[in-house]
Amino acid sequence: AGALGLGLVLLFSLLYYRALGLVTVGSLVIAGTILYLLFLV
């Protein structure tokens, strides 16, 4: 459910903001990676 929700957010960002949506996608990937690493630590 989380992956589907995030996927919809990413899709909306790309369709609505186009090039700026790529910035959102990149930042969410970085935020998700940092959060995952924080969970591991």
All heavy atoms as atom14 arrays in JSON, in Angstrom:
{
  "sequence": "AGALGLGLVLLFSLLYYRALGLVTVGSLVIAGTILYLLFLV",
  "atom14_mask": [
    [1, 1, 1, 1, 1, 0, 0, 0, 0, 0, 0, 0, 0, 0],
    [1, 1, 1, 1, 0, 0, 0, 0, 0, 0, 0, 0, 0, 0],
    [1, 1, 1, 1, 1, 0, 0, 0, 0, 0, 0, 0, 0, 0],
    [1, 1, 1, 1, 1, 1, 1, 1, 0, 0, 0, 0, 0, 0],
    [1, 1, 1, 1, 0, 0, 0, 0, 0, 0, 0, 0, 0, 0],
    [1, 1, 1, 1, 1, 1, 1, 1, 0, 0, 0, 0, 0, 0],
    [1, 1, 1, 1, 0, 0, 0, 0, 0, 0, 0, 0, 0, 0],
    [1, 1, 1, 1, 1, 1, 1, 1, 0, 0, 0, 0, 0, 0],
    [1, 1, 1, 1, 1, 1, 1, 0, 0, 0, 0, 0, 0, 0],
    [1, 1, 1, 1, 1, 1, 1, 1, 0, 0, 0, 0, 0, 0],
    [1, 1, 1, 1, 1, 1, 1, 1, 0, 0, 0, 0, 0, 0],
    [1, 1, 1, 1, 1, 1, 1, 1, 1, 1, 1, 0, 0, 0],
    [1, 1, 1, 1, 1, 1, 0, 0, 0, 0, 0, 0, 0, 0],
    [1, 1, 1, 1, 1, 1, 1, 1, 0, 0, 0, 0, 0, 0],
    [1, 1, 1, 1, 1, 1, 1, 1, 0, 0, 0, 0, 0, 0],
    [1, 1, 1, 1, 1, 1, 1, 1, 1, 1, 1, 1, 0, 0],
    [1, 1, 1, 1, 1, 1, 1, 1, 1, 1, 1, 1, 0, 0],
    [1, 1, 1, 1, 1, 1, 1, 1, 1, 1, 1, 0, 0, 0],
    [1, 1, 1, 1, 1, 0, 0, 0, 0, 0, 0, 0, 0, 0],
    [1, 1, 1, 1, 1, 1, 1, 1, 0, 0, 0, 0, 0, 0],
    [1, 1, 1, 1, 0, 0, 0, 0, 0, 0, 0, 0, 0, 0],
    [1, 1, 1, 1, 1, 1, 1, 1, 0, 0, 0, 0, 0, 0],
    [1, 1, 1, 1, 1, 1, 1, 0, 0, 0, 0, 0, 0, 0],
    [1, 1, 1, 1, 1, 1, 1, 0, 0, 0, 0, 0, 0, 0],
    [1, 1, 1, 1, 1, 1, 1, 0, 0, 0, 0, 0, 0, 0],
    [1, 1, 1, 1, 0, 0, 0, 0, 0, 0, 0, 0, 0, 0],
    [1, 1, 1, 1, 1, 1, 0, 0, 0, 0, 0, 0, 0, 0],
    [1, 1, 1, 1, 1, 1, 1, 1, 0, 0, 0, 0, 0, 0],
    [1, 1, 1, 1, 1, 1, 1, 0, 0, 0, 0, 0, 0, 0],
    [1, 1, 1, 1, 1, 1, 1, 1, 0, 0, 0, 0, 0, 0],
    [1, 1, 1, 1, 1, 0, 0, 0, 0, 0, 0, 0, 0, 0],
    [1, 1, 1, 1, 0, 0, 0, 0, 0, 0, 0, 0, 0, 0],
    [1, 1, 1, 1, 1, 1, 1, 0, 0, 0, 0, 0, 0, 0],
    [1, 1, 1, 1, 1, 1, 1, 1, 0, 0, 0, 0, 0, 0],
    [1, 1, 1, 1, 1, 1, 1, 1, 0, 0, 0, 0, 0, 0],
    [1, 1, 1, 1, 1, 1, 1, 1, 1, 1, 1, 1, 0, 0],
    [1, 1, 1, 1, 1, 1, 1, 1, 0, 0, 0, 0, 0, 0],
    [1, 1, 1, 1, 1, 1, 1, 1, 0, 0, 0, 0, 0, 0],
    [1, 1, 1, 1, 1, 1, 1, 1, 1, 1, 1, 0, 0, 0],
    [1, 1, 1, 1, 1, 1, 1, 1, 0, 0, 0, 0, 0, 0],
    [1, 1, 1, 1, 1, 1, 1, 0, 0, 0, 0, 0, 0, 0]
  ],
  "atom14_positions": [
    [[0.83, -1.21, 0.0], [0.0, 0.0, 0.0], [0.87, 1.25, 0.0], [0.58, 2.22, -0.72], [-0.92, 0.0, 1.22], [0.0, 0.0, 0.0], [0.0, 0.0, 0.0], [0.0, 0.0, 0.0], [0.0, 0.0, 0.0], [0.0, 0.0, 0.0], [0.0, 0.0, 0.0], [0.0, 0.0, 0.0], [0.0, 0.0, 0.0], [0.0, 0.0, 0.0]],
    [[1.94, 1.24, 0.78], [2.85, 2.38, 0.81], [3.52, 2.6, -0.52], [3.65, 3.73, -1.01], [0.0, 0.0, 0.0], [0.0, 0.0, 0.0], [0.0, 0.0, 0.0], [0.0, 0.0, 0.0], [0.0, 0.0, 0.0], [0.0, 0.0, 0.0], [0.0, 0.0, 0.0], [0.0, 0.0, 0.0], [0.0, 0.0, 0.0], [0.0, 0.0, 0.0]],
    [[3.98, 1.52, -1.15], [4.64, 1.63, -2.45], [3.67, 2.16, -3.51], [4.04, 3.01, -4.34], [5.2, 0.27, -2.87], [0.0, 0.0, 0.0], [0.0, 0.0, 0.0], [0.0, 0.0, 0.0], [0.0, 0.0, 0.0], [0.0, 0.0, 0.0], [0.0, 0.0, 0.0], [0.0, 0.0, 0.0], [0.0, 0.0, 0.0], [0.0, 0.0, 0.0]],
    [[2.42, 1.66, -3.48], [1.43, 2.16, -4.44], [1.13, 3.64, -4.21], [1.03, 4.42, -5.17], [0.14, 1.35, -4.34], [0.2, -0.07, -4.89], [-1.1, -0.82, -4.59], [0.47, -0.06, -6.38], [0.0, 0.0, 0.0], [0.0, 0.0, 0.0], [0.0, 0.0, 0.0], [0.0, 0.0, 0.0], [0.0, 0.0, 0.0], [0.0, 0.0, 0.0]],
    [[0.99, 4.03, -2.95], [0.73, 5.44, -2.64], [1.87, 6.34, -3.09], [1.65, 7.39, -3.71], [0.0, 0.0, 0.0], [0.0, 0.0, 0.0], [0.0, 0.0, 0.0], [0.0, 0.0, 0.0], [0.0, 0.0, 0.0], [0.0, 0.0, 0.0], [0.0, 0.0, 0.0], [0.0, 0.0, 0.0], [0.0, 0.0, 0.0], [0.0, 0.0, 0.0]],
    [[3.1, 5.92, -2.79], [4.25, 6.72, -3.22], [4.37, 6.74, -4.74], [4.72, 7.77, -5.33], [5.53, 6.17, -2.59], [5.67, 6.41, -1.09], [6.9, 5.69, -0.56], [5.75, 7.89, -0.78], [0.0, 0.0, 0.0], [0.0, 0.0, 0.0], [0.0, 0.0, 0.0], [0.0, 0.0, 0.0], [0.0, 0.0, 0.0], [0.0, 0.0, 0.0]],
    [[4.04, 5.62, -5.36], [4.06, 5.58, -6.83], [3.07, 6.57, -7.44], [3.38, 7.26, -8.41], [0.0, 0.0, 0.0], [0.0, 0.0, 0.0], [0.0, 0.0, 0.0], [0.0, 0.0, 0.0], [0.0, 0.0, 0.0], [0.0, 0.0, 0.0], [0.0, 0.0, 0.0], [0.0, 0.0, 0.0], [0.0, 0.0, 0.0], [0.0, 0.0, 0.0]],
    [[1.88, 6.66, -6.83], [0.88, 7.62, -7.32], [1.34, 9.06, -7.11], [1.12, 9.92, -7.97], [-0.46, 7.38, -6.63], [-1.2, 6.11, -7.04], [-2.43, 5.89, -6.16], [-1.61, 6.18, -8.5], [0.0, 0.0, 0.0], [0.0, 0.0, 0.0], [0.0, 0.0, 0.0], [0.0, 0.0, 0.0], [0.0, 0.0, 0.0], [0.0, 0.0, 0.0]],
    [[2.0, 9.31, -5.97], [2.53, 10.66, -5.72], [3.58, 11.0, -6.76], [3.61, 12.11, -7.32], [3.12, 10.76, -4.3], [3.93, 12.03, -4.12], [2.01, 10.7, -3.26], [0.0, 0.0, 0.0], [0.0, 0.0, 0.0], [0.0, 0.0, 0.0], [0.0, 0.0, 0.0], [0.0, 0.0, 0.0], [0.0, 0.0, 0.0], [0.0, 0.0, 0.0]],
    [[4.47, 10.05, -7.05], [5.52, 10.29, -8.05], [4.91, 10.51, -9.43], [5.33, 11.42, -10.16], [6.5, 9.12, -8.07], [7.31, 8.89, -6.79], [8.19, 7.66, -6.93], [8.14, 10.11, -6.44], [0.0, 0.0, 0.0], [0.0, 0.0, 0.0], [0.0, 0.0, 0.0], [0.0, 0.0, 0.0], [0.0, 0.0, 0.0], [0.0, 0.0, 0.0]],
    [[3.92, 9.68, -9.78], [3.27, 9.83, -11.09], [2.58, 11.19, -11.2], [2.71, 11.88, -12.21], [2.26, 8.69, -11.28], [1.53, 8.66, -12.62], [2.52, 8.39, -13.75], [0.44, 7.6, -12.6], [0.0, 0.0, 0.0], [0.0, 0.0, 0.0], [0.0, 0.0, 0.0], [0.0, 0.0, 0.0], [0.0, 0.0, 0.0], [0.0, 0.0, 0.0]],
    [[1.87, 11.59, -10.15], [1.21, 12.89, -10.15], [2.24, 14.01, -10.3], [2.04, 14.96, -11.06], [0.41, 13.08, -8.86], [-0.14, 14.47, -8.7], [-1.27, 14.86, -9.39], [0.49, 15.39, -7.87], [-1.79, 16.15, -9.25], [-0.01, 16.67, -7.74], [-1.15, 17.05, -8.42], [0.0, 0.0, 0.0], [0.0, 0.0, 0.0], [0.0, 0.0, 0.0]],
    [[3.35, 13.9, -9.58], [4.39, 14.94, -9.65], [4.95, 15.06, -11.06], [5.16, 16.17, -11.56], [5.53, 14.62, -8.68], [5.07, 14.65, -7.35], [0.0, 0.0, 0.0], [0.0, 0.0, 0.0], [0.0, 0.0, 0.0], [0.0, 0.0, 0.0], [0.0, 0.0, 0.0], [0.0, 0.0, 0.0], [0.0, 0.0, 0.0], [0.0, 0.0, 0.0]],
    [[5.21, 13.94, -11.69], [5.76, 13.98, -13.04], [4.76, 14.52, -14.06], [5.12, 15.29, -14.95], [6.23, 12.58, -13.46], [7.47, 12.05, -12.74], [7.71, 10.59, -13.1], [8.68, 12.9, -13.09], [0.0, 0.0, 0.0], [0.0, 0.0, 0.0], [0.0, 0.0, 0.0], [0.0, 0.0, 0.0], [0.0, 0.0, 0.0], [0.0, 0.0, 0.0]],
    [[3.48, 14.13, -13.92], [2.47, 14.59, -14.88], [2.13, 16.07, -14.67], [1.94, 16.81, -15.63], [1.2, 13.74, -14.76], [1.31, 12.3, -15.22], [0.01, 11.55, -14.96], [1.67, 12.23, -16.7], [0.0, 0.0, 0.0], [0.0, 0.0, 0.0], [0.0, 0.0, 0.0], [0.0, 0.0, 0.0], [0.0, 0.0, 0.0], [0.0, 0.0, 0.0]],
    [[2.07, 16.5, -13.43], [1.62, 17.86, -13.15], [2.75, 18.88, -13.22], [2.56, 19.98, -13.72], [0.97, 17.9, -11.76], [0.19, 19.16, -11.49], [-1.04, 19.39, -12.11], [0.68, 20.12, -10.62], [-1.75, 20.54, -11.85], [-0.04, 21.27, -10.37], [-1.25, 21.48, -10.99], [-1.96, 22.62, -10.75], [0.0, 0.0, 0.0], [0.0, 0.0, 0.0]],
    [[3.94, 18.5, -12.74], [5.04, 19.46, -12.68], [6.12, 19.2, -13.74], [7.08, 19.94, -13.81], [5.68, 19.44, -11.28], [4.78, 20.01, -10.24], [4.24, 19.2, -9.26], [4.44, 21.36, -10.23], [3.4, 19.73, -8.29], [3.6, 21.88, -9.27], [3.08, 21.06, -8.31], [2.25, 21.57, -7.36], [0.0, 0.0, 0.0], [0.0, 0.0, 0.0]],
    [[5.99, 18.14, -14.49], [6.92, 17.77, -15.56], [8.37, 17.75, -15.08], [8.74, 16.9, -14.29], [6.71, 18.69, -16.75], [5.35, 18.52, -17.39], [5.15, 19.42, -18.59], [3.85, 19.25, -19.2], [2.74, 19.83, -18.79], [2.78, 20.61, -17.74], [1.61, 19.62, -19.39], [0.0, 0.0, 0.0], [0.0, 0.0, 0.0], [0.0, 0.0, 0.0]],
    [[9.19, 18.69, -15.52], [10.61, 18.67, -15.17], [10.83, 18.86, -13.67], [11.71, 18.23, -13.08], [11.37, 19.75, -15.95], [0.0, 0.0, 0.0], [0.0, 0.0, 0.0], [0.0, 0.0, 0.0], [0.0, 0.0, 0.0], [0.0, 0.0, 0.0], [0.0, 0.0, 0.0], [0.0, 0.0, 0.0], [0.0, 0.0, 0.0], [0.0, 0.0, 0.0]],
    [[10.02, 19.72, -13.06], [10.15, 19.9, -11.62], [9.76, 18.63, -10.86], [10.23, 18.38, -9.76], [9.27, 21.07, -11.14], [9.73, 22.47, -11.54], [8.71, 23.51, -11.1], [11.09, 22.77, -10.96], [0.0, 0.0, 0.0], [0.0, 0.0, 0.0], [0.0, 0.0, 0.0], [0.0, 0.0, 0.0], [0.0, 0.0, 0.0], [0.0, 0.0, 0.0]],
    [[8.91, 17.81, -11.47], [8.55, 16.54, -10.87], [9.74, 15.62, -10.7], [9.79, 14.81, -9.76], [0.0, 0.0, 0.0], [0.0, 0.0, 0.0], [0.0, 0.0, 0.0], [0.0, 0.0, 0.0], [0.0, 0.0, 0.0], [0.0, 0.0, 0.0], [0.0, 0.0, 0.0], [0.0, 0.0, 0.0], [0.0, 0.0, 0.0], [0.0, 0.0, 0.0]],
    [[10.71, 15.75, -11.6], [11.94, 14.94, -11.47], [12.69, 15.31, -10.19], [13.3, 14.46, -9.55], [12.84, 15.14, -12.7], [12.31, 14.57, -14.01], [13.21, 14.96, -15.17], [12.16, 13.07, -13.92], [0.0, 0.0, 0.0], [0.0, 0.0, 0.0], [0.0, 0.0, 0.0], [0.0, 0.0, 0.0], [0.0, 0.0, 0.0], [0.0, 0.0, 0.0]],
    [[12.64, 16.59, -9.83], [13.27, 17.02, -8.57], [12.56, 16.35, -7.4], [13.21, 15.87, -6.46], [13.22, 18.56, -8.44], [13.76, 19.01, -7.11], [13.97, 19.22, -9.58], [0.0, 0.0, 0.0], [0.0, 0.0, 0.0], [0.0, 0.0, 0.0], [0.0, 0.0, 0.0], [0.0, 0.0, 0.0], [0.0, 0.0, 0.0], [0.0, 0.0, 0.0]],
    [[11.23, 16.3, -7.46], [10.47, 15.64, -6.4], [10.81, 14.16, -6.32], [11.04, 13.63, -5.23], [8.95, 15.81, -6.64], [8.64, 17.19, -6.76], [8.14, 15.2, -5.53], [0.0, 0.0, 0.0], [0.0, 0.0, 0.0], [0.0, 0.0, 0.0], [0.0, 0.0, 0.0], [0.0, 0.0, 0.0], [0.0, 0.0, 0.0], [0.0, 0.0, 0.0]],
    [[10.86, 13.51, -7.46], [11.18, 12.08, -7.49], [12.56, 11.84, -6.89], [12.75, 10.97, -6.05], [11.11, 11.53, -8.94], [11.67, 10.12, -9.01], [9.67, 11.57, -9.44], [0.0, 0.0, 0.0], [0.0, 0.0, 0.0], [0.0, 0.0, 0.0], [0.0, 0.0, 0.0], [0.0, 0.0, 0.0], [0.0, 0.0, 0.0], [0.0, 0.0, 0.0]],
    [[13.54, 12.65, -7.31], [14.9, 12.49, -6.78], [14.96, 12.72, -5.28], [15.6, 11.96, -4.54], [0.0, 0.0, 0.0], [0.0, 0.0, 0.0], [0.0, 0.0, 0.0], [0.0, 0.0, 0.0], [0.0, 0.0, 0.0], [0.0, 0.0, 0.0], [0.0, 0.0, 0.0], [0.0, 0.0, 0.0], [0.0, 0.0, 0.0], [0.0, 0.0, 0.0]],
    [[14.24, 13.74, -4.82], [14.28, 14.03, -3.38], [13.59, 12.94, -2.57], [14.03, 12.59, -1.48], [13.64, 15.38, -3.09], [12.25, 15.31, -3.27], [0.0, 0.0, 0.0], [0.0, 0.0, 0.0], [0.0, 0.0, 0.0], [0.0, 0.0, 0.0], [0.0, 0.0, 0.0], [0.0, 0.0, 0.0], [0.0, 0.0, 0.0], [0.0, 0.0, 0.0]],
    [[12.5, 12.4, -3.1], [11.81, 11.33, -2.38], [12.65, 10.05, -2.34], [12.64, 9.33, -1.34], [10.45, 11.05, -3.01], [9.4, 12.15, -2.86], [8.09, 11.75, -3.52], [9.17, 12.48, -1.41], [0.0, 0.0, 0.0], [0.0, 0.0, 0.0], [0.0, 0.0, 0.0], [0.0, 0.0, 0.0], [0.0, 0.0, 0.0], [0.0, 0.0, 0.0]],
    [[13.37, 9.79, -3.39], [14.28, 8.63, -3.39], [15.36, 8.84, -2.33], [15.68, 7.93, -1.55], [14.89, 8.42, -4.79], [16.06, 7.43, -4.74], [13.83, 7.92, -5.76], [0.0, 0.0, 0.0], [0.0, 0.0, 0.0], [0.0, 0.0, 0.0], [0.0, 0.0, 0.0], [0.0, 0.0, 0.0], [0.0, 0.0, 0.0], [0.0, 0.0, 0.0]],
    [[15.92, 10.05, -2.29], [16.97, 10.34, -1.29], [16.37, 10.27, 0.12], [16.97, 9.67, 1.03], [17.59, 11.73, -1.55], [18.42, 11.68, -2.84], [18.46, 12.16, -0.38], [18.89, 13.04, -3.32], [0.0, 0.0, 0.0], [0.0, 0.0, 0.0], [0.0, 0.0, 0.0], [0.0, 0.0, 0.0], [0.0, 0.0, 0.0], [0.0, 0.0, 0.0]],
    [[15.19, 10.86, 0.33], [14.55, 10.82, 1.67], [14.25, 9.39, 2.08], [14.48, 9.0, 3.23], [13.27, 11.66, 1.66], [0.0, 0.0, 0.0], [0.0, 0.0, 0.0], [0.0, 0.0, 0.0], [0.0, 0.0, 0.0], [0.0, 0.0, 0.0], [0.0, 0.0, 0.0], [0.0, 0.0, 0.0], [0.0, 0.0, 0.0], [0.0, 0.0, 0.0]],
    [[13.75, 8.58, 1.15], [13.45, 7.19, 1.45], [14.71, 6.4, 1.78], [14.71, 5.57, 2.7], [0.0, 0.0, 0.0], [0.0, 0.0, 0.0], [0.0, 0.0, 0.0], [0.0, 0.0, 0.0], [0.0, 0.0, 0.0], [0.0, 0.0, 0.0], [0.0, 0.0, 0.0], [0.0, 0.0, 0.0], [0.0, 0.0, 0.0], [0.0, 0.0, 0.0]],
    [[15.79, 6.66, 1.05], [17.06, 5.98, 1.31], [17.62, 6.36, 2.68], [18.07, 5.49, 3.44], [18.09, 6.33, 0.21], [17.53, 5.99, -1.06], [19.39, 5.59, 0.42], [0.0, 0.0, 0.0], [0.0, 0.0, 0.0], [0.0, 0.0, 0.0], [0.0, 0.0, 0.0], [0.0, 0.0, 0.0], [0.0, 0.0, 0.0], [0.0, 0.0, 0.0]],
    [[17.58, 7.64, 3.0], [18.06, 8.09, 4.32], [17.23, 7.45, 5.43], [17.76, 7.0, 6.45], [18.03, 9.64, 4.42], [19.12, 10.22, 3.51], [18.23, 10.1, 5.86], [19.04, 11.73, 3.37], [0.0, 0.0, 0.0], [0.0, 0.0, 0.0], [0.0, 0.0, 0.0], [0.0, 0.0, 0.0], [0.0, 0.0, 0.0], [0.0, 0.0, 0.0]],
    [[15.9, 7.41, 5.24], [15.02, 6.81, 6.24], [15.32, 5.32, 6.41], [15.38, 4.81, 7.53], [13.57, 7.03, 5.83], [12.51, 6.89, 6.9], [12.76, 7.85, 8.05], [11.14, 7.15, 6.31], [0.0, 0.0, 0.0], [0.0, 0.0, 0.0], [0.0, 0.0, 0.0], [0.0, 0.0, 0.0], [0.0, 0.0, 0.0], [0.0, 0.0, 0.0]],
    [[15.53, 4.63, 5.31], [15.85, 3.2, 5.37], [17.17, 2.97, 6.1], [17.28, 2.09, 6.95], [15.91, 2.62, 3.95], [16.24, 1.16, 3.91], [15.32, 0.21, 4.32], [17.49, 0.73, 3.47], [15.63, -1.14, 4.3], [17.8, -0.62, 3.45], [16.86, -1.54, 3.86], [17.18, -2.87, 3.84], [0.0, 0.0, 0.0], [0.0, 0.0, 0.0]],
    [[18.18, 3.78, 5.77], [19.47, 3.66, 6.46], [19.33, 3.97, 7.95], [19.97, 3.32, 8.79], [20.51, 4.58, 5.82], [20.94, 4.2, 4.39], [21.85, 5.27, 3.8], [21.62, 2.85, 4.38], [0.0, 0.0, 0.0], [0.0, 0.0, 0.0], [0.0, 0.0, 0.0], [0.0, 0.0, 0.0], [0.0, 0.0, 0.0], [0.0, 0.0, 0.0]],
    [[18.5, 4.95, 8.28], [18.25, 5.28, 9.68], [17.61, 4.11, 10.41], [17.99, 3.78, 11.54], [17.36, 6.52, 9.77], [17.05, 7.04, 11.17], [18.33, 7.55, 11.84], [16.04, 8.16, 11.1], [0.0, 0.0, 0.0], [0.0, 0.0, 0.0], [0.0, 0.0, 0.0], [0.0, 0.0, 0.0], [0.0, 0.0, 0.0], [0.0, 0.0, 0.0]],
    [[16.66, 3.44, 9.76], [16.04, 2.25, 10.35], [17.08, 1.16, 10.59], [17.06, 0.48, 11.61], [14.92, 1.71, 9.47], [13.68, 2.55, 9.47], [12.8, 2.5, 8.41], [13.38, 3.4, 10.53], [11.65, 3.27, 8.4], [12.23, 4.17, 10.53], [11.37, 4.1, 9.46], [0.0, 0.0, 0.0], [0.0, 0.0, 0.0], [0.0, 0.0, 0.0]],
    [[17.98, 0.97, 9.62], [19.01, -0.05, 9.78], [19.94, 0.27, 10.95], [20.27, -0.6, 11.75], [19.83, -0.19, 8.49], [19.11, -0.8, 7.29], [20.03, -0.83, 6.09], [18.61, -2.19, 7.62], [0.0, 0.0, 0.0], [0.0, 0.0, 0.0], [0.0, 0.0, 0.0], [0.0, 0.0, 0.0], [0.0, 0.0, 0.0], [0.0, 0.0, 0.0]],
    [[20.35, 1.54, 11.04], [21.26, 1.95, 12.12], [20.56, 1.8, 13.48], [21.14, 1.28, 14.44], [21.75, 3.4, 11.9], [22.44, 3.94, 13.14], [22.67, 3.47, 10.7], [0.0, 0.0, 0.0], [0.0, 0.0, 0.0], [0.0, 0.0, 0.0], [0.0, 0.0, 0.0], [0.0, 0.0, 0.0], [0.0, 0.0, 0.0], [0.0, 0.0, 0.0]]
  ]
}
